[in-house]
C-alpha atoms as a PDB file:
ATOM      1  CA  MET A   1       0.000   0.000   0.000  1.00  0.00           C
ATOM      2  CA  ASN A   2       1.394   3.376  -0.994  1.00  0.00           C
ATOM      3  CA  SER A   3       1.141   6.323   1.336  1.00  0.00           C
ATOM      4  CA  SER A   4       2.481   9.756   0.771  1.00  0.00           C
ATOM      5  CA  PRO A   5       4.451  11.568   3.477  1.00  0.00           C
ATOM      6  CA  GLY A   6       2.183  14.610   3.102  1.00  0.00           C
ATOM      7  CA  ARG A   7      -0.936  12.608   3.848  1.00  0.00           C
ATOM      8  CA  ASP A   8       0.703  10.922   6.858  1.00  0.00           C
ATOM      9  CA  LEU A   9       1.739  14.318   8.197  1.00  0.00           C
ATOM     10  CA  MET A  10      -1.804  15.674   7.815  1.00  0.00           C
ATOM     11  CA  VAL A  11      -3.320  12.653   9.576  1.00  0.00           C
ATOM     12  CA  GLY A  12      -0.772  12.968  12.385  1.00  0.00           C
ATOM     13  CA  ALA A  13      -1.520  16.689  12.786  1.00  0.00           C
ATOM     14  CA  PHE A  14      -5.256  15.979  12.867  1.00  0.00           C
ATOM     15  CA  VAL A  15      -4.838  13.271  15.536  1.00  0.00           C
ATOM     16  CA  LEU A  16      -2.597  15.576  17.600  1.00  0.00           C
ATOM     17  CA  ALA A  17      -5.148  18.430  17.387  1.00  0.00           C
ATOM     18  CA  ALA A  18      -7.921  16.041  18.441  1.00  0.00           C
ATOM     19  CA  LEU A  19      -5.913  14.874  21.480  1.00  0.00           C
ATOM     20  CA  VAL A  20      -5.104  18.449  22.518  1.00  0.00           C
ATOM     21  CA  SER A  21      -8.786  19.411  22.182  1.00  0.00           C
ATOM     22  CA  LEU A  22      -9.854  16.396  24.225  1.00  0.00           C
ATOM     23  CA  ALA A  23      -7.344  17.234  26.970  1.00  0.00           C
ATOM     24  CA  TYR A  24      -8.518  20.861  27.049  1.00  0.00           C
ATOM     25  CA  LEU A  25     -12.181  19.823  27.332  1.00  0.00           C
ATOM     26  CA  SER A  26     -11.362  17.325  30.085  1.00  0.00           C
ATOM     27  CA  VAL A  27      -9.552  19.964  32.137  1.00  0.00           C
ATOM     28  CA  THR A  28     -12.205  22.622  31.527  1.00  0.00           C
ATOM     29  CA  LEU A  29     -15.240  20.445  32.235  1.00  0.00           C
ATOM     30  CA  GLY A  30     -13.521  18.788  35.182  1.00  0.00           C
ATOM     31  CA  GLY A  31     -13.129  22.149  36.903  1.00  0.00           C
ATOM     32  CA  LEU A  32      -9.362  21.834  37.197  1.00  0.00           C
ATOM     33  CA  SER A  33      -7.555  25.135  37.346  1.00  0.00           C
ATOM     34  CA  TYR A  34      -3.916  26.108  37.282  1.00  0.00           C
ATOM     35  CA  THR A  35      -4.390  29.247  39.359  1.00  0.00           C
ATOM     36  CA  GLY A  36      -3.130  27.457  42.456  1.00  0.00           C
ATOM     37  CA  LYS A  37      -4.191  28.126  45.990  1.00  0.00           C
ATOM     38  CA  GLY A  38      -6.087  31.270  46.792  1.00  0.00           C
ATOM     39  CA  GLY A  39      -4.984  33.686  49.425  1.00  0.00           C
ATOM     40  CA  LEU A  40      -8.039  33.729  51.668  1.00  0.00           C
ATOM     41  CA  LYS A  41      -8.829  30.558  53.604  1.00  0.00           C
ATOM     42  CA  LEU A  42     -12.099  30.709  55.530  1.00  0.00           C
ATOM     43  CA  PHE A  43     -14.210  28.161  57.380  1.00  0.00           C
ATOM     44  CA  ALA A  44     -17.971  27.597  57.472  1.00  0.00           C
ATOM     45  CA  THR A  45     -19.819  25.154  59.736  1.00  0.00           C
ATOM     46  CA  PHE A  46     -23.100  23.557  58.627  1.00  0.00           C
ATOM     47  CA  ASP A  47     -25.646  21.270  60.317  1.00  0.00           C
ATOM     48  CA  GLU A  48     -26.149  19.374  57.038  1.00  0.00           C
ATOM     49  CA  ILE A  49     -24.001  19.462  53.884  1.00  0.00           C
ATOM     50  CA  GLY A  50     -26.063  17.107  51.730  1.00  0.00           C
ATOM     51  CA  GLY A  51     -23.997  16.138  48.678  1.00  0.00           C
ATOM     52  CA  LEU A  52     -21.385  18.892  48.996  1.00  0.00           C
ATOM     53  CA  ARG A  53     -17.923  17.569  48.134  1.00  0.00           C
ATOM     54  CA  PRO A  54     -14.372  18.880  48.256  1.00  0.00           C
ATOM     55  CA  ARG A  55     -13.507  20.898  45.098  1.00  0.00           C
ATOM     56  CA  ALA A  56     -17.122  22.136  44.911  1.00  0.00           C
ATOM     57  CA  PRO A  57     -17.267  25.740  43.711  1.00  0.00           C
ATOM     58  CA  VAL A  58     -17.730  28.730  45.988  1.00  0.00           C
ATOM     59  CA  LYS A  59     -19.609  31.537  44.245  1.00  0.00           C
ATOM     60  CA  ILE A  60     -20.597  35.131  44.827  1.00  0.00           C
ATOM     61  CA  ALA A  61     -23.464  36.354  42.612  1.00  0.00           C
ATOM     62  CA  GLY A  62     -22.951  33.285  40.407  1.00  0.00           C
ATOM     63  CA  VAL A  63     -19.251  33.995  39.813  1.00  0.00           C
ATOM     64  CA  ARG A  64     -16.772  31.352  40.963  1.00  0.00           C
ATOM     65  CA  VAL A  65     -14.412  32.864  43.534  1.00  0.00           C
ATOM     66  CA  GLY A  66     -12.920  29.701  45.029  1.00  0.00           C
ATOM     67  CA  GLU A  67     -13.579  26.130  46.020  1.00  0.00           C
ATOM     68  CA  VAL A  68     -14.188  23.880  48.991  1.00  0.00           C
ATOM     69  CA  SER A  69     -10.784  22.458  49.899  1.00  0.00           C
ATOM     70  CA  ALA A  70     -11.876  20.038  52.655  1.00  0.00           C
ATOM     71  CA  ILE A  71     -14.854  18.952  54.764  1.00  0.00           C
ATOM     72  CA  VAL A  72     -14.370  17.501  58.244  1.00  0.00           C
ATOM     73  CA  LEU A  73     -16.577  16.604  61.194  1.00  0.00           C
ATOM     74  CA  ASP A  74     -16.148  19.263  63.873  1.00  0.00           C
ATOM     75  CA  SER A  75     -16.000  18.510  67.611  1.00  0.00           C
ATOM     76  CA  ASP A  76     -19.688  19.486  67.971  1.00  0.00           C
ATOM     77  CA  TYR A  77     -20.695  16.919  65.287  1.00  0.00           C
ATOM     78  CA  ARG A  78     -21.300  19.505  62.592  1.00  0.00           C
ATOM     79  CA  ALA A  79     -19.663  19.603  59.161  1.00  0.00           C
ATOM     80  CA  LYS A  80     -16.863  22.145  58.876  1.00  0.00           C
ATOM     81  CA  ALA A  81     -15.950  23.195  55.334  1.00  0.00           C
ATOM     82  CA  SER A  82     -12.633  24.842  54.485  1.00  0.00           C
ATOM     83  CA  LEU A  83     -13.016  27.423  51.727  1.00  0.00           C
ATOM     84  CA  ASP A  84     -10.055  28.395  49.574  1.00  0.00           C
ATOM     85  CA  LEU A  85     -10.925  31.786  48.053  1.00  0.00           C
ATOM     86  CA  GLU A  86      -9.233  34.343  45.833  1.00  0.00           C
ATOM     87  CA  GLY A  87      -6.801  36.436  47.832  1.00  0.00           C
ATOM     88  CA  SER A  88      -8.108  39.702  46.392  1.00  0.00           C
ATOM     89  CA  LEU A  89     -11.540  39.269  48.014  1.00  0.00           C
ATOM     90  CA  GLU A  90     -12.485  41.603  50.838  1.00  0.00           C
ATOM     91  CA  LEU A  91     -15.482  40.037  52.558  1.00  0.00           C
ATOM     92  CA  PRO A  92     -17.307  41.763  55.421  1.00  0.00           C
ATOM     93  CA  SER A  93     -17.473  39.904  58.736  1.00  0.00           C
ATOM     94  CA  ASP A  94     -21.254  39.459  58.401  1.00  0.00           C
ATOM     95  CA  THR A  95     -20.960  37.513  55.137  1.00  0.00           C
ATOM     96  CA  SER A  96     -23.291  34.498  54.967  1.00  0.00           C
ATOM     97  CA  ALA A  97     -22.709  31.095  53.346  1.00  0.00           C
ATOM     98  CA  SER A  98     -25.454  28.850  51.945  1.00  0.00           C
ATOM     99  CA  ILE A  99     -25.307  25.426  50.332  1.00  0.00           C
ATOM    100  CA  LEU A 100     -27.287  25.552  47.097  1.00  0.00           C
ATOM    101  CA  THR A 101     -27.918  23.161  44.213  1.00  0.00           C
ATOM    102  CA  LEU A 102     -27.334  23.815  40.522  1.00  0.00           C
ATOM    103  CA  GLY A 103     -30.714  23.048  38.979  1.00  0.00           C
ATOM    104  CA  VAL A 104     -33.090  20.440  40.379  1.00  0.00           C
ATOM    105  CA  LEU A 105     -30.694  17.500  40.564  1.00  0.00           C
ATOM    106  CA  GLY A 106     -27.357  19.236  39.984  1.00  0.00           C
ATOM    107  CA  ASP A 107     -24.181  19.461  42.002  1.00  0.00           C
ATOM    108  CA  GLN A 108     -24.081  21.451  45.187  1.00  0.00           C
ATOM    109  CA  TYR A 109     -21.978  24.529  45.799  1.00  0.00           C
ATOM    110  CA  ILE A 110     -21.516  27.227  48.438  1.00  0.00           C
ATOM    111  CA  ALA A 111     -22.949  30.663  47.709  1.00  0.00           C
ATOM    112  CA  LEU A 112     -21.526  33.585  49.660  1.00  0.00           C
ATOM    113  CA  GLU A 113     -23.616  36.683  50.304  1.00  0.00           C
ATOM    114  CA  PRO A 114     -21.444  39.618  51.445  1.00  0.00           C
ATOM    115  CA  GLY A 115     -22.892  41.713  54.252  1.00  0.00           C
ATOM    116  CA  GLY A 116     -22.509  45.384  55.062  1.00  0.00           C
ATOM    117  CA  GLU A 117     -20.042  45.395  57.996  1.00  0.00           C
ATOM    118  CA  GLU A 118     -16.935  47.522  57.801  1.00  0.00           C
ATOM    119  CA  ILE A 119     -14.828  44.857  59.564  1.00  0.00           C
ATOM    120  CA  LEU A 120     -13.403  42.345  57.065  1.00  0.00           C
ATOM    121  CA  LEU A 121     -12.846  38.606  57.380  1.00  0.00           C
ATOM    122  CA  ARG A 122      -9.178  37.626  57.657  1.00  0.00           C
ATOM    123  CA  PRO A 123      -7.543  34.339  56.625  1.00  0.00           C
ATOM    124  CA  GLY A 124      -8.519  31.618  59.102  1.00  0.00           C
ATOM    125  CA  ASP A 125     -11.760  33.303  60.209  1.00  0.00           C
ATOM    126  CA  GLU A 126     -15.075  31.478  60.346  1.00  0.00           C
ATOM    127  CA  ILE A 127     -18.201  32.611  58.549  1.00  0.00           C
ATOM    128  CA  ALA A 128     -20.759  32.986  61.330  1.00  0.00           C
ATOM    129  CA  PHE A 129     -23.972  32.966  59.297  1.00  0.00           C
ATOM    130  CA  THR A 130     -24.603  29.699  57.440  1.00  0.00           C
ATOM    131  CA  GLN A 131     -27.578  27.946  55.890  1.00  0.00           C
ATOM    132  CA  SER A 132     -27.397  24.177  55.497  1.00  0.00           C
ATOM    133  CA  ALA A 133     -28.345  22.154  52.455  1.00  0.00           C
ATOM    134  CA  ILE A 134     -31.980  21.301  51.860  1.00  0.00           C
ATOM    135  CA  ILE A 135     -32.399  17.539  51.686  1.00  0.00           C
ATOM    136  CA  LEU A 136     -35.015  16.720  49.052  1.00  0.00           C
ATOM    137  CA  GLU A 137     -35.803  13.293  50.542  1.00  0.00           C
ATOM    138  CA  ARG A 138     -36.693  14.850  53.906  1.00  0.00           C
ATOM    139  CA  LEU A 139     -38.982  17.394  52.277  1.00  0.00           C
ATOM    140  CA  ILE A 140     -40.779  14.672  50.328  1.00  0.00           C
ATOM    141  CA  GLY A 141     -41.082  12.547  53.493  1.00  0.00           C
ATOM    142  CA  LYS A 142     -42.651  15.434  55.428  1.00  0.00           C
ATOM    143  CA  LEU A 143     -45.026  16.129  52.550  1.00  0.00           C
ATOM    144  CA  VAL A 144     -46.109  12.470  52.422  1.00  0.00           C
ATOM    145  CA  GLN A 145     -46.618  12.439  56.217  1.00  0.00           C
ATOM    146  CA  ASN A 146     -48.721  15.602  56.087  1.00  0.00           C
ATOM    147  CA  ILE A 147     -50.879  14.315  53.254  1.00  0.00           C
ATOM    148  CA  GLY A 148     -51.272  10.860  54.856  1.00  0.00           C
ATOM    149  CA  GLY A 149     -52.025  12.284  58.299  1.00  0.00           C
ATOM    150  CA  SER A 150     -54.723  14.689  57.099  1.00  0.00           C
END
């Protein structure tokens, strides 16, 4: 079988471009970033985290400003999330953190709502105002109980 070097070079270039595109999509869709660690590490304690996982996004007004770096069980049996945020953020001390869901059955993330205090959170501080995840199964169970008990 005859093959020309020009055709082989074109096929090789096409395969290489396809592999580079696939790698780029994998990194982009996987949420991997090369920006490294942020400069502002905060903590937030929740009664219930639902399906929140490490590397989940942290957003302000829908814009990703960091990620959850770890989740541990605190001494008072509550979930304590470590948030790794952009170092340029200046968050007031009355900032609140809520666990929300993307869409109906999507992944969970932490949404921050900055407050109006003049005092700012410093690295290592804890966000005092938190709202835990809403567990859909519990809501459905309560609804079924209310309908069945009526």
